[in-house]
């Protein structure tokens, strides 16, 4: 459900990392918004930051690994009026994401179909997976 960005209060960037046909997914910690929900890693874009800068910062904070944003895949707006930019990102093959317990409970690699079956998946992530399955998004 790609939507042009209306007037929204907040902006976020989402990292889509693919390794061997699986997607990098986190389960949020108890201490953050939407506790224990599964989602792609990412977070808010701060004042003066580009989407790419926000992704690099957020992934380092959440998973303690460096990533490289490659290209924007999609844009959407959540029901809470957060404008999201979804970015395909490279993660070095030797890098092992490590959960920062203040933000992330656990780290997973799921095939898109497996991810879509998660009961505790954030709604915006389900919309992304639907667009991916329909061919609207190309990884």
N, C-alpha and C. Protein backbone atom coordinates (compact mmCIF):
# COMPACT_ATOMS: atom_id res chain seq x y z
N UNK A 1 0.85 -1.15 0.00
CA UNK A 1 0.00 0.00 0.00
C UNK A 1 0.90 1.23 0.00
N UNK A 2 1.45 1.53 -1.13
CA UNK A 2 2.32 2.70 -1.23
C UNK A 2 1.45 3.94 -1.26
N UNK A 3 1.78 4.87 -0.38
CA UNK A 3 0.97 6.07 -0.20
C UNK A 3 1.88 7.28 -0.30
N UNK A 4 1.47 8.30 -1.03
CA UNK A 4 2.28 9.52 -1.02
C UNK A 4 2.30 10.08 0.40
N UNK A 5 3.42 10.63 0.80
CA UNK A 5 3.56 11.13 2.17
C UNK A 5 2.68 12.36 2.37
N UNK A 6 1.62 12.24 3.19
CA UNK A 6 0.81 13.41 3.52
C UNK A 6 1.53 14.19 4.61
N UNK A 7 0.87 15.15 5.15
CA UNK A 7 1.45 15.90 6.26
C UNK A 7 1.44 14.99 7.48
N UNK A 8 2.63 14.57 7.88
CA UNK A 8 2.74 13.66 9.01
C UNK A 8 3.65 14.28 10.05
N UNK A 9 3.49 13.78 11.27
CA UNK A 9 4.28 14.33 12.36
C UNK A 9 5.66 13.74 12.47
N UNK A 10 5.80 12.47 12.17
CA UNK A 10 7.09 11.80 12.34
C UNK A 10 7.48 11.05 11.09
N UNK A 11 8.80 10.84 10.96
CA UNK A 11 9.33 10.06 9.84
C UNK A 11 10.17 8.93 10.40
N UNK A 12 10.12 7.79 9.73
CA UNK A 12 10.93 6.65 10.13
C UNK A 12 11.57 6.02 8.92
N UNK A 13 12.63 5.25 9.18
CA UNK A 13 13.32 4.52 8.12
C UNK A 13 13.42 3.06 8.56
N UNK A 14 13.19 2.17 7.61
CA UNK A 14 13.15 0.74 7.87
C UNK A 14 14.22 0.06 7.03
N UNK A 15 15.01 -0.82 7.66
CA UNK A 15 16.06 -1.56 6.96
C UNK A 15 15.55 -2.92 6.54
N UNK A 16 15.63 -3.21 5.24
CA UNK A 16 15.28 -4.52 4.71
C UNK A 16 16.60 -5.17 4.31
N UNK A 17 17.00 -6.17 5.09
CA UNK A 17 18.26 -6.87 4.86
C UNK A 17 17.92 -8.31 4.47
N UNK A 18 18.47 -8.76 3.34
CA UNK A 18 18.21 -10.11 2.84
C UNK A 18 19.51 -10.91 2.90
N UNK A 19 19.41 -12.11 3.45
CA UNK A 19 20.56 -13.02 3.49
C UNK A 19 20.03 -14.42 3.19
N UNK A 20 20.53 -15.00 2.10
CA UNK A 20 20.11 -16.35 1.70
C UNK A 20 18.60 -16.49 1.62
N UNK A 21 17.93 -15.47 1.06
CA UNK A 21 16.48 -15.51 0.88
C UNK A 21 15.68 -15.24 2.15
N UNK A 22 16.37 -14.93 3.23
CA UNK A 22 15.69 -14.65 4.50
C UNK A 22 15.84 -13.17 4.85
N UNK A 23 14.88 -12.66 5.59
CA UNK A 23 14.85 -11.25 5.98
C UNK A 23 15.25 -11.10 7.43
N UNK A 24 16.02 -10.06 7.72
CA UNK A 24 16.42 -9.74 9.09
C UNK A 24 15.23 -9.13 9.82
N UNK A 25 14.84 -9.75 10.92
CA UNK A 25 13.66 -9.36 11.69
C UNK A 25 14.05 -9.29 13.16
N UNK A 26 13.49 -8.31 13.85
CA UNK A 26 13.72 -8.22 15.29
C UNK A 26 12.40 -8.40 16.02
N UNK A 27 12.53 -8.79 17.29
CA UNK A 27 11.38 -8.73 18.20
C UNK A 27 11.72 -7.62 19.19
N UNK A 28 10.86 -6.62 19.26
CA UNK A 28 11.11 -5.46 20.10
C UNK A 28 11.13 -5.85 21.58
N UNK A 29 11.90 -5.09 22.34
CA UNK A 29 11.97 -5.35 23.79
C UNK A 29 10.69 -4.86 24.47
N UNK A 30 10.57 -5.18 25.73
CA UNK A 30 9.43 -4.75 26.55
C UNK A 30 9.45 -3.25 26.78
N UNK A 31 10.62 -2.59 26.65
CA UNK A 31 10.77 -1.19 27.03
C UNK A 31 10.47 -0.18 25.92
N UNK A 32 10.10 -0.62 24.74
CA UNK A 32 9.90 0.30 23.63
C UNK A 32 8.44 0.32 23.19
N UNK A 33 8.11 1.26 22.31
CA UNK A 33 6.77 1.33 21.73
C UNK A 33 6.49 0.02 21.01
N UNK A 34 5.26 -0.46 21.07
CA UNK A 34 4.86 -1.74 20.47
C UNK A 34 5.73 -2.88 21.02
N UNK A 35 5.73 -3.06 22.34
CA UNK A 35 6.59 -4.08 22.95
C UNK A 35 6.31 -5.48 22.43
N UNK A 36 7.41 -6.23 22.23
CA UNK A 36 7.40 -7.64 21.83
C UNK A 36 6.82 -7.89 20.44
N UNK A 37 6.61 -6.86 19.65
CA UNK A 37 6.16 -7.04 18.28
C UNK A 37 7.35 -7.39 17.39
N UNK A 38 7.10 -8.20 16.37
CA UNK A 38 8.11 -8.51 15.36
C UNK A 38 8.06 -7.43 14.28
N UNK A 39 9.24 -7.06 13.76
CA UNK A 39 9.29 -6.07 12.70
C UNK A 39 10.69 -6.04 12.09
N UNK A 40 10.80 -5.34 10.97
CA UNK A 40 12.11 -5.04 10.42
C UNK A 40 12.78 -4.04 11.36
N UNK A 41 14.11 -4.04 11.44
CA UNK A 41 14.77 -3.04 12.27
C UNK A 41 14.69 -1.65 11.63
N UNK A 42 14.84 -0.64 12.45
CA UNK A 42 14.81 0.74 11.96
C UNK A 42 14.36 1.65 13.07
N UNK A 43 14.00 2.86 12.71
CA UNK A 43 13.54 3.80 13.72
C UNK A 43 13.33 5.19 13.17
N UNK A 44 13.21 6.13 14.06
CA UNK A 44 12.89 7.50 13.70
C UNK A 44 14.04 8.25 13.05
N UNK A 45 13.67 9.14 12.14
CA UNK A 45 14.63 10.04 11.50
C UNK A 45 14.66 11.31 12.34
N UNK A 46 15.83 11.64 12.87
CA UNK A 46 15.97 12.82 13.72
C UNK A 46 16.22 14.07 12.88
N UNK A 47 15.97 15.23 13.47
CA UNK A 47 16.19 16.51 12.78
C UNK A 47 17.62 16.58 12.26
N UNK A 48 17.76 16.98 11.01
CA UNK A 48 19.07 17.12 10.40
C UNK A 48 19.66 15.83 9.85
N UNK A 49 18.94 14.72 9.99
CA UNK A 49 19.42 13.42 9.51
C UNK A 49 18.76 13.06 8.19
N UNK A 50 19.50 12.41 7.32
CA UNK A 50 18.89 11.79 6.13
C UNK A 50 18.32 10.44 6.56
N UNK A 51 17.50 9.86 5.72
CA UNK A 51 16.98 8.52 5.99
C UNK A 51 18.13 7.52 6.13
N UNK A 52 19.12 7.64 5.25
CA UNK A 52 20.26 6.73 5.28
C UNK A 52 21.03 6.87 6.59
N UNK A 53 21.26 8.10 7.04
CA UNK A 53 21.97 8.33 8.30
C UNK A 53 21.19 7.74 9.47
N UNK A 54 19.88 7.90 9.44
CA UNK A 54 19.04 7.35 10.51
C UNK A 54 19.15 5.83 10.55
N UNK A 55 19.15 5.20 9.38
CA UNK A 55 19.26 3.74 9.34
C UNK A 55 20.59 3.26 9.91
N UNK A 56 21.67 3.89 9.49
CA UNK A 56 22.99 3.49 9.99
C UNK A 56 23.03 3.62 11.51
N UNK A 57 22.53 4.75 12.03
CA UNK A 57 22.51 4.97 13.48
C UNK A 57 21.62 3.97 14.20
N UNK A 58 20.40 3.80 13.71
CA UNK A 58 19.44 2.92 14.37
C UNK A 58 19.91 1.46 14.39
N UNK A 59 20.46 0.98 13.28
CA UNK A 59 20.89 -0.42 13.23
C UNK A 59 22.10 -0.63 14.13
N UNK A 60 22.96 0.36 14.20
CA UNK A 60 24.11 0.26 15.12
C UNK A 60 23.60 0.23 16.57
N UNK A 61 22.61 1.06 16.89
CA UNK A 61 22.04 1.09 18.25
C UNK A 61 21.31 -0.21 18.58
N UNK A 62 20.49 -0.69 17.66
CA UNK A 62 19.65 -1.86 17.92
C UNK A 62 20.40 -3.18 17.84
N UNK A 63 21.30 -3.29 16.83
CA UNK A 63 21.90 -4.59 16.51
C UNK A 63 23.42 -4.61 16.53
N UNK A 64 24.04 -3.46 16.82
CA UNK A 64 25.50 -3.37 16.97
C UNK A 64 26.27 -3.85 15.74
N UNK A 65 25.73 -3.57 14.56
CA UNK A 65 26.41 -3.88 13.30
C UNK A 65 26.28 -2.70 12.35
N UNK A 66 27.26 -2.52 11.46
CA UNK A 66 27.14 -1.48 10.45
C UNK A 66 26.36 -2.00 9.24
N UNK A 67 25.55 -1.15 8.67
CA UNK A 67 24.85 -1.50 7.42
C UNK A 67 25.11 -0.40 6.40
N UNK A 68 24.78 -0.73 5.16
CA UNK A 68 24.91 0.26 4.08
C UNK A 68 23.58 0.32 3.33
N UNK A 69 22.85 1.44 3.47
CA UNK A 69 21.62 1.60 2.69
C UNK A 69 21.94 1.62 1.20
N UNK A 70 21.20 0.84 0.41
CA UNK A 70 21.46 0.71 -1.02
C UNK A 70 20.47 1.54 -1.84
N UNK A 71 19.16 1.28 -1.61
CA UNK A 71 18.15 2.03 -2.35
C UNK A 71 16.81 1.95 -1.63
N UNK A 72 16.04 3.01 -1.82
CA UNK A 72 14.69 3.03 -1.23
C UNK A 72 13.82 2.09 -2.04
N UNK A 73 13.10 1.25 -1.34
CA UNK A 73 12.22 0.27 -1.97
C UNK A 73 10.77 0.72 -2.03
N UNK A 74 10.34 1.49 -1.03
CA UNK A 74 8.90 1.72 -0.85
C UNK A 74 8.69 2.82 0.17
N UNK A 75 7.53 3.43 0.15
CA UNK A 75 7.12 4.39 1.18
C UNK A 75 5.71 4.05 1.61
N UNK A 76 5.44 4.30 2.88
CA UNK A 76 4.09 4.08 3.40
C UNK A 76 3.87 5.01 4.59
N UNK A 77 2.62 5.06 5.02
CA UNK A 77 2.25 5.84 6.20
C UNK A 77 1.48 4.90 7.12
N UNK A 78 1.90 4.84 8.37
CA UNK A 78 1.23 3.95 9.32
C UNK A 78 -0.11 4.54 9.73
N UNK A 79 -0.96 3.72 10.36
CA UNK A 79 -2.22 4.26 10.88
C UNK A 79 -2.00 5.35 11.93
N UNK A 80 -0.77 5.44 12.48
CA UNK A 80 -0.45 6.45 13.49
C UNK A 80 0.19 7.67 12.85
N UNK A 81 0.11 7.76 11.52
CA UNK A 81 0.62 8.91 10.76
C UNK A 81 2.13 9.08 10.85
N UNK A 82 2.85 7.96 10.85
CA UNK A 82 4.30 7.98 10.74
C UNK A 82 4.65 7.62 9.29
N UNK A 83 5.37 8.52 8.62
CA UNK A 83 5.79 8.27 7.24
C UNK A 83 7.04 7.39 7.27
N UNK A 84 6.94 6.21 6.65
CA UNK A 84 8.06 5.28 6.64
C UNK A 84 8.68 5.18 5.26
N UNK A 85 10.00 5.12 5.23
CA UNK A 85 10.76 4.82 4.02
C UNK A 85 11.44 3.49 4.23
N UNK A 86 11.21 2.57 3.32
CA UNK A 86 11.74 1.21 3.42
C UNK A 86 12.95 1.10 2.51
N UNK A 87 14.11 0.76 3.07
CA UNK A 87 15.38 0.74 2.34
C UNK A 87 15.97 -0.66 2.29
N UNK A 88 16.37 -1.08 1.08
CA UNK A 88 17.18 -2.28 0.94
C UNK A 88 18.56 -1.91 1.47
N UNK A 89 19.10 -2.73 2.38
CA UNK A 89 20.39 -2.45 3.00
C UNK A 89 21.31 -3.65 2.90
N UNK A 90 22.60 -3.38 2.75
CA UNK A 90 23.62 -4.43 2.76
C UNK A 90 24.16 -4.59 4.17
N UNK A 91 24.34 -5.83 4.55
CA UNK A 91 24.99 -6.18 5.80
C UNK A 91 26.10 -7.14 5.43
N UNK A 92 27.32 -6.86 5.86
CA UNK A 92 28.45 -7.72 5.56
C UNK A 92 28.11 -9.17 5.94
N UNK A 93 28.48 -10.11 5.09
CA UNK A 93 28.16 -11.52 5.31
C UNK A 93 28.72 -12.05 6.62
N UNK A 94 29.82 -11.49 7.09
CA UNK A 94 30.43 -11.95 8.35
C UNK A 94 29.81 -11.29 9.58
N UNK A 95 29.01 -10.26 9.38
CA UNK A 95 28.42 -9.53 10.51
C UNK A 95 27.31 -10.36 11.17
N UNK A 96 27.34 -10.39 12.49
CA UNK A 96 26.33 -11.11 13.26
C UNK A 96 25.57 -10.10 14.12
N UNK A 97 24.32 -9.81 13.75
CA UNK A 97 23.55 -8.87 14.55
C UNK A 97 23.40 -9.35 16.00
N UNK A 98 23.60 -8.43 16.92
CA UNK A 98 23.54 -8.73 18.35
C UNK A 98 22.51 -7.79 18.97
N UNK A 99 21.48 -8.35 19.58
CA UNK A 99 20.40 -7.55 20.15
C UNK A 99 20.89 -6.67 21.29
N UNK A 100 20.57 -5.38 21.21
CA UNK A 100 20.76 -4.46 22.33
C UNK A 100 19.50 -4.64 23.19
N UNK A 101 19.61 -5.25 24.37
CA UNK A 101 18.41 -5.59 25.14
C UNK A 101 17.53 -4.41 25.54
N UNK A 102 18.06 -3.20 25.51
CA UNK A 102 17.24 -2.04 25.82
C UNK A 102 16.20 -1.79 24.72
N UNK A 103 16.49 -2.28 23.50
CA UNK A 103 15.60 -2.02 22.37
C UNK A 103 15.08 -3.29 21.69
N UNK A 104 15.88 -4.36 21.72
CA UNK A 104 15.56 -5.56 20.95
C UNK A 104 15.62 -6.79 21.85
N UNK A 105 14.56 -7.57 21.84
CA UNK A 105 14.52 -8.81 22.63
C UNK A 105 15.26 -9.94 21.93
N UNK A 106 15.06 -10.06 20.59
CA UNK A 106 15.68 -11.16 19.86
C UNK A 106 15.82 -10.80 18.39
N UNK A 107 16.72 -11.51 17.71
CA UNK A 107 17.03 -11.30 16.30
C UNK A 107 16.71 -12.59 15.55
N UNK A 108 16.10 -12.44 14.37
CA UNK A 108 15.67 -13.62 13.59
C UNK A 108 15.95 -13.40 12.11
N UNK A 109 16.00 -14.49 11.37
CA UNK A 109 16.04 -14.49 9.91
C UNK A 109 14.87 -15.32 9.45
N UNK A 110 13.88 -14.68 8.80
CA UNK A 110 12.69 -15.37 8.34
C UNK A 110 12.54 -15.23 6.83
N UNK A 111 12.06 -16.30 6.18
CA UNK A 111 11.61 -16.19 4.80
C UNK A 111 10.38 -15.28 4.82
N UNK A 112 10.12 -14.55 3.72
CA UNK A 112 8.95 -13.66 3.72
C UNK A 112 7.65 -14.36 4.13
N UNK A 113 7.42 -15.58 3.65
CA UNK A 113 6.19 -16.30 4.00
C UNK A 113 6.14 -16.63 5.49
N UNK A 114 7.29 -16.95 6.08
CA UNK A 114 7.34 -17.23 7.52
C UNK A 114 7.04 -15.95 8.31
N UNK A 115 7.64 -14.86 7.87
CA UNK A 115 7.42 -13.59 8.55
C UNK A 115 5.95 -13.20 8.51
N UNK A 116 5.31 -13.41 7.37
CA UNK A 116 3.90 -13.05 7.20
C UNK A 116 2.99 -13.84 8.14
N UNK A 117 3.44 -14.99 8.60
CA UNK A 117 2.62 -15.83 9.49
C UNK A 117 2.74 -15.46 10.97
N UNK A 118 3.65 -14.54 11.31
CA UNK A 118 3.85 -14.17 12.71
C UNK A 118 2.63 -13.43 13.26
N UNK A 119 2.08 -13.94 14.33
CA UNK A 119 0.88 -13.31 14.92
C UNK A 119 1.20 -11.92 15.48
N UNK A 120 2.40 -11.73 15.98
CA UNK A 120 2.77 -10.46 16.61
C UNK A 120 3.55 -9.55 15.66
N UNK A 121 3.25 -9.61 14.38
CA UNK A 121 3.93 -8.77 13.38
C UNK A 121 3.27 -7.39 13.33
N UNK A 122 4.08 -6.33 13.31
CA UNK A 122 3.53 -4.98 13.16
C UNK A 122 2.76 -4.87 11.85
N UNK A 123 1.65 -4.18 11.89
CA UNK A 123 0.76 -4.05 10.73
C UNK A 123 1.48 -3.46 9.51
N UNK A 124 2.30 -2.45 9.72
CA UNK A 124 3.01 -1.83 8.59
C UNK A 124 3.93 -2.83 7.89
N UNK A 125 4.50 -3.76 8.65
CA UNK A 125 5.36 -4.78 8.07
C UNK A 125 4.55 -5.77 7.25
N UNK A 126 3.34 -6.05 7.70
CA UNK A 126 2.45 -6.94 6.93
C UNK A 126 2.10 -6.30 5.58
N UNK A 127 1.87 -4.98 5.58
CA UNK A 127 1.58 -4.28 4.33
C UNK A 127 2.77 -4.37 3.37
N UNK A 128 3.98 -4.19 3.91
CA UNK A 128 5.19 -4.32 3.10
C UNK A 128 5.28 -5.72 2.48
N UNK A 129 5.06 -6.75 3.31
CA UNK A 129 5.15 -8.13 2.81
C UNK A 129 4.09 -8.41 1.75
N UNK A 130 2.90 -7.83 1.91
CA UNK A 130 1.85 -7.98 0.89
C UNK A 130 2.30 -7.34 -0.43
N UNK A 131 2.89 -6.16 -0.36
CA UNK A 131 3.38 -5.47 -1.57
C UNK A 131 4.52 -6.26 -2.20
N UNK A 132 5.35 -6.87 -1.38
CA UNK A 132 6.45 -7.70 -1.88
C UNK A 132 5.88 -8.93 -2.59
N UNK A 133 4.93 -9.59 -1.98
CA UNK A 133 4.32 -10.80 -2.55
C UNK A 133 3.60 -10.50 -3.87
N UNK A 134 3.01 -9.32 -3.97
CA UNK A 134 2.25 -8.96 -5.18
C UNK A 134 3.17 -8.51 -6.32
N UNK A 135 4.46 -8.32 -6.02
CA UNK A 135 5.40 -7.87 -7.05
C UNK A 135 5.54 -6.36 -7.13
N UNK A 136 4.81 -5.63 -6.27
CA UNK A 136 4.91 -4.18 -6.26
C UNK A 136 6.32 -3.73 -5.83
N UNK A 137 6.92 -4.52 -4.93
CA UNK A 137 8.28 -4.23 -4.44
C UNK A 137 9.21 -5.30 -4.99
N UNK A 138 10.33 -4.87 -5.50
CA UNK A 138 11.36 -5.79 -6.01
C UNK A 138 12.60 -5.66 -5.15
N UNK A 139 13.03 -6.77 -4.56
CA UNK A 139 14.26 -6.78 -3.79
C UNK A 139 15.39 -7.01 -4.76
